[in-house]
Amino acid sequence: MSIRSQLHPPLRATGQGRVGVLLGGLSTEREISLKSGKAVLAALQARGWDAVAIDVGRDLPARLVAEGVDVAWLALHGVFGEDGCVQGLLELMGIPYTGSPVRGSAIAMDKIATKQAVAGLGLNLAADWIWHHGDPIPAGLTPPCVVKVPEGGSTIGTWVCHDGGQLEAALVQAQDMSRRVLLEQYVKGEEITVAVLDGLPLPVVAIRPRSGFFDFEAKYTKGQTDYIVPAPIPDGVAHTAREHAARAYQALGLAGVARADFIVDGDGRPWFLEINTIPGMTATSLSPMAAGAVGISFEDLVDHLARTARTHVQAAGQAG
């Protein structure tokens, strides 16, 4: 049975109700969100949906009411969009939305909470420490290592440090962005990603930045990174990565499409890095790329997510 045929059936017919594509927002990933949202809006309109773009600000509740939004398609990245805040608002307003519920969104946005949530599931996790401003550098941490702001996205707030000087400089920058900092032992290898759609892992995508590190420039500058799907890795490695991505998705209680990132080391072990609950959503983004490998076009994917949008919290007094 194909992945396409296993997708959950639609909860509403295409074209019923008005879809608000929530984009932009207040995070450092605003510009990326605008690109995702515009692509989603075009795909929905091509499929006959009555869809409108809503640039998310603090007036979002009033905008949702004024636009008569029946369904929210979330194309937001980062804080105040991917972290459960907007999801909670939509639950309160009773507006179905795409993607994961409040709890899963909040946990997945926090890299520390994510690692704690998936510990014990059999995933390979790099050794880590939680650092606070004023703490000494952990005795067991030796470069090369990685400094991560827990709520950072699109590699914003991530530094690979090859010596003590780079580590100290990264911590100075990181402490201005977060009260807590995640320090991880560096794992050398090839970056891959696994999108999970309705609990089903899609084919593995290999990420090969030409500069060596998949940083913001490599991720969003055309021609700086090569993407290969299915990834040219052994079947057993791909199977393990896909299984581990599905485990993380299930453990966090995610929904819709999410994307788990890994590093495959020299021994063929995939090391789990994080899982994104609202991955990039343009025709050339990684999750649509993986979906395309199993015959799901970009418009198919956007349409399917709109059809299966829902609220996740049952209001008191309402029937199930």
Protein backbone atom coordinates (compact mmCIF):
# COMPACT_ATOMS: atom_id res chain seq x y z
CA MET A 1 0.00 0.00 0.00
CA SER A 2 1.41 3.42 -0.96
CA ILE A 3 1.89 6.28 1.49
CA ARG A 4 -0.52 8.34 -0.56
CA SER A 5 -3.30 5.79 -0.16
CA GLN A 6 -2.76 5.59 3.62
CA LEU A 7 -3.37 9.29 4.28
CA HIS A 8 -6.22 10.10 6.59
CA PRO A 9 -9.48 10.81 4.72
CA PRO A 10 -10.48 14.47 4.38
CA LEU A 11 -12.63 15.96 7.12
CA ARG A 12 -14.30 18.52 4.83
CA ALA A 13 -14.84 18.92 1.12
CA THR A 14 -12.47 21.15 -0.79
CA GLY A 15 -13.83 24.68 -1.14
CA GLN A 16 -16.07 24.65 1.96
CA GLY A 17 -15.48 27.63 4.20
CA ARG A 18 -12.91 30.40 4.04
CA VAL A 19 -9.26 29.60 4.69
CA GLY A 20 -7.03 32.15 6.34
CA VAL A 21 -3.36 31.56 5.52
CA LEU A 22 -1.49 32.83 8.57
CA LEU A 23 1.93 34.11 7.54
CA GLY A 24 4.63 36.60 8.43
CA GLY A 25 4.33 36.98 12.17
CA LEU A 26 6.60 38.46 14.81
CA SER A 27 9.58 36.09 14.86
CA THR A 28 13.06 36.30 13.36
CA GLU A 29 11.81 33.87 10.69
CA ARG A 30 9.23 36.32 9.37
CA GLU A 31 10.65 36.58 5.85
CA ILE A 32 10.76 32.81 5.46
CA SER A 33 7.17 32.57 6.68
CA LEU A 34 6.06 35.11 4.08
CA LYS A 35 7.51 32.92 1.33
CA SER A 36 5.82 29.80 2.70
CA GLY A 37 2.49 31.57 3.12
CA LYS A 38 2.43 33.06 -0.36
CA ALA A 39 3.14 29.65 -1.89
CA VAL A 40 0.41 28.03 0.21
CA LEU A 41 -2.10 30.75 -0.70
CA ALA A 42 -1.45 30.27 -4.42
CA ALA A 43 -1.85 26.49 -4.11
CA LEU A 44 -5.13 26.78 -2.19
CA GLN A 45 -6.57 29.24 -4.67
CA ALA A 46 -5.51 26.99 -7.55
CA ARG A 47 -7.53 24.21 -5.91
CA GLY A 48 -10.64 26.36 -5.62
CA TRP A 49 -10.48 27.33 -1.97
CA ASP A 50 -11.71 30.75 -0.87
CA ALA A 51 -8.40 31.70 0.75
CA VAL A 52 -7.00 34.94 2.12
CA ALA A 53 -3.56 35.85 3.47
CA ILE A 54 -3.38 37.23 7.02
CA ASP A 55 -0.10 38.77 8.15
CA VAL A 56 -0.07 37.85 11.83
CA GLY A 57 0.25 40.62 14.40
CA ARG A 58 -1.20 41.31 17.83
CA ASP A 59 -4.54 42.12 16.19
CA LEU A 60 -4.91 38.54 14.94
CA PRO A 61 -8.22 37.76 16.74
CA ALA A 62 -9.90 40.80 15.20
CA ARG A 63 -8.48 39.98 11.76
CA LEU A 64 -9.77 36.40 11.93
CA VAL A 65 -13.26 37.65 12.76
CA ALA A 66 -13.21 40.46 10.18
CA GLU A 67 -12.09 38.09 7.41
CA GLY A 68 -14.67 35.45 8.36
CA VAL A 69 -12.04 32.73 8.64
CA ASP A 70 -13.42 29.20 9.05
CA VAL A 71 -10.09 27.34 8.79
CA ALA A 72 -6.55 28.56 9.57
CA TRP A 73 -3.66 27.29 7.43
CA LEU A 74 -0.55 27.94 9.53
CA ALA A 75 2.49 29.00 7.54
CA LEU A 76 4.19 30.63 10.52
CA HIS A 77 7.72 29.83 11.66
CA GLY A 78 9.31 30.54 15.02
CA VAL A 79 7.93 32.10 18.20
CA PHE A 80 4.32 33.34 18.33
CA GLY A 81 3.46 30.92 15.52
CA GLU A 82 5.18 27.57 15.76
CA ASP A 83 5.36 27.40 19.56
CA GLY A 84 1.72 26.83 20.49
CA CYS A 85 0.71 30.47 21.03
CA VAL A 86 -1.40 30.85 17.88
CA GLN A 87 -2.63 27.28 18.22
CA GLY A 88 -3.97 28.09 21.70
CA LEU A 89 -5.73 31.19 20.40
CA LEU A 90 -7.36 29.22 17.60
CA GLU A 91 -8.50 26.53 20.06
CA LEU A 92 -10.14 29.24 22.18
CA MET A 93 -11.86 30.72 19.12
CA GLY A 94 -12.95 27.30 17.88
CA ILE A 95 -11.21 27.67 14.52
CA PRO A 96 -9.77 24.46 13.00
CA TYR A 97 -6.11 24.79 12.02
CA THR A 98 -3.43 22.84 10.22
CA GLY A 99 -0.60 21.09 11.98
CA SER A 100 0.11 20.09 15.55
CA PRO A 101 -1.80 20.95 18.73
CA VAL A 102 -0.66 23.32 21.47
CA ARG A 103 1.33 20.89 23.61
CA GLY A 104 3.24 19.23 20.79
CA SER A 105 3.98 22.58 19.17
CA ALA A 106 5.34 24.02 22.42
CA ILE A 107 7.55 21.01 23.16
CA ALA A 108 8.93 20.71 19.63
CA MET A 109 9.79 24.42 19.58
CA ASP A 110 12.05 23.92 22.60
CA LYS A 111 15.08 21.79 21.69
CA ILE A 112 15.75 20.97 25.35
CA ALA A 113 12.17 19.85 26.02
CA THR A 114 12.17 17.87 22.77
CA LYS A 115 15.24 15.86 23.73
CA GLN A 116 13.76 15.19 27.17
CA ALA A 117 10.48 14.06 25.60
CA VAL A 118 12.10 11.56 23.21
CA ALA A 119 14.66 10.20 25.67
CA GLY A 120 14.08 6.51 26.18
CA LEU A 121 12.58 5.94 22.73
CA GLY A 122 15.75 4.39 21.34
CA LEU A 123 16.78 7.44 19.32
CA ASN A 124 20.47 8.35 19.11
CA LEU A 125 20.92 11.63 21.00
CA ALA A 126 24.16 13.58 21.28
CA ALA A 127 25.52 14.19 24.79
CA ASP A 128 24.21 17.53 26.01
CA TRP A 129 24.35 20.08 28.79
CA ILE A 130 22.05 22.97 29.74
CA TRP A 131 24.01 26.18 30.32
CA HIS A 132 22.83 29.35 32.05
CA HIS A 133 24.49 32.76 32.08
CA GLY A 134 27.28 32.77 34.65
CA ASP A 135 27.74 28.99 34.65
CA PRO A 136 31.20 27.59 33.93
CA ILE A 137 31.68 25.63 30.73
CA PRO A 138 30.77 22.02 31.58
CA ALA A 139 33.82 19.92 32.39
CA GLY A 140 32.78 17.10 30.05
CA LEU A 141 32.22 19.34 27.02
CA THR A 142 35.11 19.54 24.58
CA PRO A 143 35.15 21.19 21.14
CA PRO A 144 34.02 20.57 18.53
CA CYS A 145 30.60 21.20 20.01
CA VAL A 146 27.36 22.94 19.11
CA VAL A 147 25.72 25.86 20.90
CA LYS A 148 21.97 26.15 20.39
CA VAL A 149 19.35 28.63 21.52
CA PRO A 150 16.49 26.25 22.47
CA GLU A 151 13.79 28.20 20.61
CA GLY A 152 15.90 29.09 17.58
CA GLY A 153 14.88 28.04 14.08
CA SER A 154 16.24 28.08 10.53
CA THR A 155 19.72 27.68 12.11
CA ILE A 156 19.30 31.12 13.74
CA GLY A 157 20.90 30.84 17.17
CA THR A 158 23.09 27.85 16.31
CA TRP A 159 26.89 27.84 16.31
CA VAL A 160 29.37 25.05 15.59
CA CYS A 161 32.45 25.68 17.74
CA HIS A 162 35.81 24.11 16.93
CA ASP A 163 37.80 25.58 19.81
CA GLY A 164 37.38 27.22 23.19
CA GLY A 165 37.48 30.74 21.79
CA GLN A 166 34.61 30.06 19.40
CA LEU A 167 32.65 28.43 22.22
CA GLU A 168 33.03 31.44 24.51
CA ALA A 169 32.07 33.84 21.69
CA ALA A 170 28.98 31.76 20.85
CA LEU A 171 27.85 31.73 24.47
CA VAL A 172 28.09 35.53 24.63
CA GLN A 173 25.77 35.79 21.62
CA ALA A 174 23.45 33.02 22.78
CA GLN A 175 22.87 34.49 26.26
CA ASP A 176 21.43 37.60 24.62
CA MET A 177 18.80 35.43 22.94
CA SER A 178 17.80 33.02 25.71
CA ARG A 179 18.12 32.41 29.46
CA ARG A 180 18.97 28.77 28.76
CA VAL A 181 21.41 27.45 26.17
CA LEU A 182 21.71 23.88 24.90
CA LEU A 183 25.27 22.61 24.48
CA GLU A 184 25.78 19.42 22.50
CA GLN A 185 28.78 17.33 21.60
CA TYR A 186 29.32 17.70 17.86
CA VAL A 187 28.45 14.72 15.67
CA LYS A 188 30.27 14.65 12.36
CA GLY A 189 28.39 13.28 9.39
CA GLU A 190 25.82 13.87 6.66
CA GLU A 191 22.64 15.81 7.34
CA ILE A 192 19.35 14.20 6.38
CA THR A 193 15.73 15.01 7.08
CA VAL A 194 12.55 12.96 7.31
CA ALA A 195 9.12 14.51 6.86
CA VAL A 196 6.24 12.74 8.61
CA LEU A 197 2.73 13.21 7.26
CA ASP A 198 -0.23 12.04 9.37
CA GLY A 199 2.16 9.74 11.24
CA LEU A 200 3.64 8.21 8.08
CA PRO A 201 7.34 8.89 7.37
CA LEU A 202 8.13 10.05 3.83
CA PRO A 203 11.35 9.27 1.92
CA VAL A 204 14.61 10.56 3.39
CA VAL A 205 16.10 13.74 1.91
CA ALA A 206 19.90 14.15 1.93
CA ILE A 207 21.17 17.68 2.61
CA ARG A 208 24.57 18.50 1.14
CA PRO A 209 25.65 22.12 1.69
CA ARG A 210 28.48 23.15 -0.59
CA SER A 211 30.01 25.28 2.16
CA GLY A 212 30.22 22.41 4.65
CA PHE A 213 27.72 23.65 7.29
CA PHE A 214 23.99 23.90 6.71
CA ASP A 215 23.69 27.45 8.08
CA PHE A 216 21.12 30.14 7.24
CA GLU A 217 22.93 31.18 4.05
CA ALA A 218 23.30 27.60 2.84
CA LYS A 219 19.65 26.90 3.62
CA TYR A 220 18.10 29.91 1.88
CA THR A 221 20.57 30.88 -0.87
CA LYS A 222 19.82 29.23 -4.19
CA GLY A 223 22.59 26.92 -5.35
CA GLN A 224 24.37 26.74 -1.97
CA THR A 225 22.99 23.31 -1.03
CA ASP A 226 22.16 20.14 -2.94
CA TYR A 227 19.12 18.10 -1.90
CA ILE A 228 18.71 14.48 -2.95
CA VAL A 229 15.57 12.38 -2.51
CA PRO A 230 15.52 9.52 -1.89
CA ALA A 231 18.80 10.02 -0.04
CA PRO A 232 21.68 7.88 -1.39
CA ILE A 233 22.22 6.08 1.91
CA PRO A 234 21.92 2.38 2.82
CA ASP A 235 18.35 1.11 3.10
CA GLY A 236 18.88 0.13 6.73
CA VAL A 237 20.01 3.65 7.67
CA ALA A 238 17.03 5.19 5.86
CA HIS A 239 14.66 2.74 7.58
CA THR A 240 16.06 3.61 11.02
CA ALA A 241 15.82 7.37 10.40
CA ARG A 242 12.24 7.09 9.18
CA GLU A 243 11.26 4.91 12.15
CA HIS A 244 12.89 7.30 14.62
CA ALA A 245 11.18 10.30 13.02
CA ALA A 246 7.80 8.56 13.35
CA ARG A 247 8.52 7.71 17.00
CA ALA A 248 9.32 11.35 17.82
CA TYR A 249 6.20 12.52 15.97
CA GLN A 250 4.02 10.10 17.93
CA ALA A 251 5.67 10.78 21.31
CA LEU A 252 5.08 14.52 21.00
CA GLY A 253 1.50 14.03 19.79
CA LEU A 254 2.04 15.88 16.52
CA ALA A 255 -0.36 16.17 13.58
CA GLY A 256 -0.29 17.14 9.93
CA VAL A 257 3.21 17.43 8.52
CA ALA A 258 6.37 17.71 10.64
CA ARG A 259 10.02 17.26 9.72
CA ALA A 260 12.72 15.57 11.80
CA ASP A 261 16.39 16.37 11.21
CA PHE A 262 19.29 13.96 11.72
CA ILE A 263 23.06 13.60 11.29
CA VAL A 264 24.27 10.25 9.95
CA ASP A 265 27.71 9.49 11.35
CA GLY A 266 30.50 7.47 9.76
CA ASP A 267 29.12 4.24 11.21
CA GLY A 268 25.71 4.78 9.64
CA ARG A 269 23.91 5.81 12.82
CA PRO A 270 21.31 8.59 12.45
CA TRP A 271 21.50 11.05 15.36
CA PHE A 272 18.27 12.91 16.09
CA LEU A 273 18.59 16.71 16.18
CA GLU A 274 15.09 18.19 16.33
CA ILE A 275 11.61 18.05 14.84
CA ASN A 276 9.87 21.02 13.19
CA THR A 277 6.09 21.23 13.44
CA ILE A 278 5.69 23.86 10.68
CA PRO A 279 8.46 23.12 8.19
CA GLY A 280 9.13 25.33 5.19
CA MET A 281 6.29 25.14 2.69
CA THR A 282 7.19 26.24 -0.82
CA ALA A 283 7.31 24.03 -3.88
CA THR A 284 11.08 23.59 -3.36
CA SER A 285 11.03 23.08 0.44
CA LEU A 286 12.16 19.78 1.90
CA SER A 287 8.83 18.38 3.11
CA PRO A 288 7.04 19.00 -0.23
CA MET A 289 10.12 17.56 -1.93
CA ALA A 290 9.78 14.35 0.07
CA ALA A 291 6.03 14.22 -0.60
CA GLY A 292 6.69 14.66 -4.30
CA ALA A 293 8.88 11.55 -4.25
CA VAL A 294 5.77 9.46 -3.48
CA GLY A 295 3.51 11.21 -5.97
CA ILE A 296 2.02 13.92 -3.74
CA SER A 297 2.31 17.26 -5.53
CA PHE A 298 2.73 20.55 -3.68
CA GLU A 299 -0.90 21.44 -4.36
CA ASP A 300 -1.97 17.96 -3.23
CA LEU A 301 -0.12 18.41 0.04
CA VAL A 302 -1.44 21.91 0.76
CA ASP A 303 -4.98 20.84 -0.12
CA HIS A 304 -4.77 17.72 2.06
CA LEU A 305 -3.58 19.72 5.07
CA ALA A 306 -6.44 22.20 4.62
CA ARG A 307 -8.96 19.35 4.44
CA THR A 308 -7.66 17.73 7.63
CA ALA A 309 -7.40 20.93 9.70
CA ARG A 310 -9.04 20.58 13.09
CA THR A 311 -9.15 21.75 16.68
CA HIS A 312 -7.66 19.39 19.25
CA VAL A 313 -9.35 20.49 22.48
CA GLN A 314 -12.96 19.60 23.21
CA ALA A 315 -14.87 22.50 24.76
CA ALA A 316 -16.86 21.73 27.90
CA GLY A 317 -20.45 20.81 27.19
CA GLN A 318 -19.87 19.93 23.55
CA ALA A 319 -20.52 16.49 22.14
CA GLY A 320 -17.46 14.53 20.97
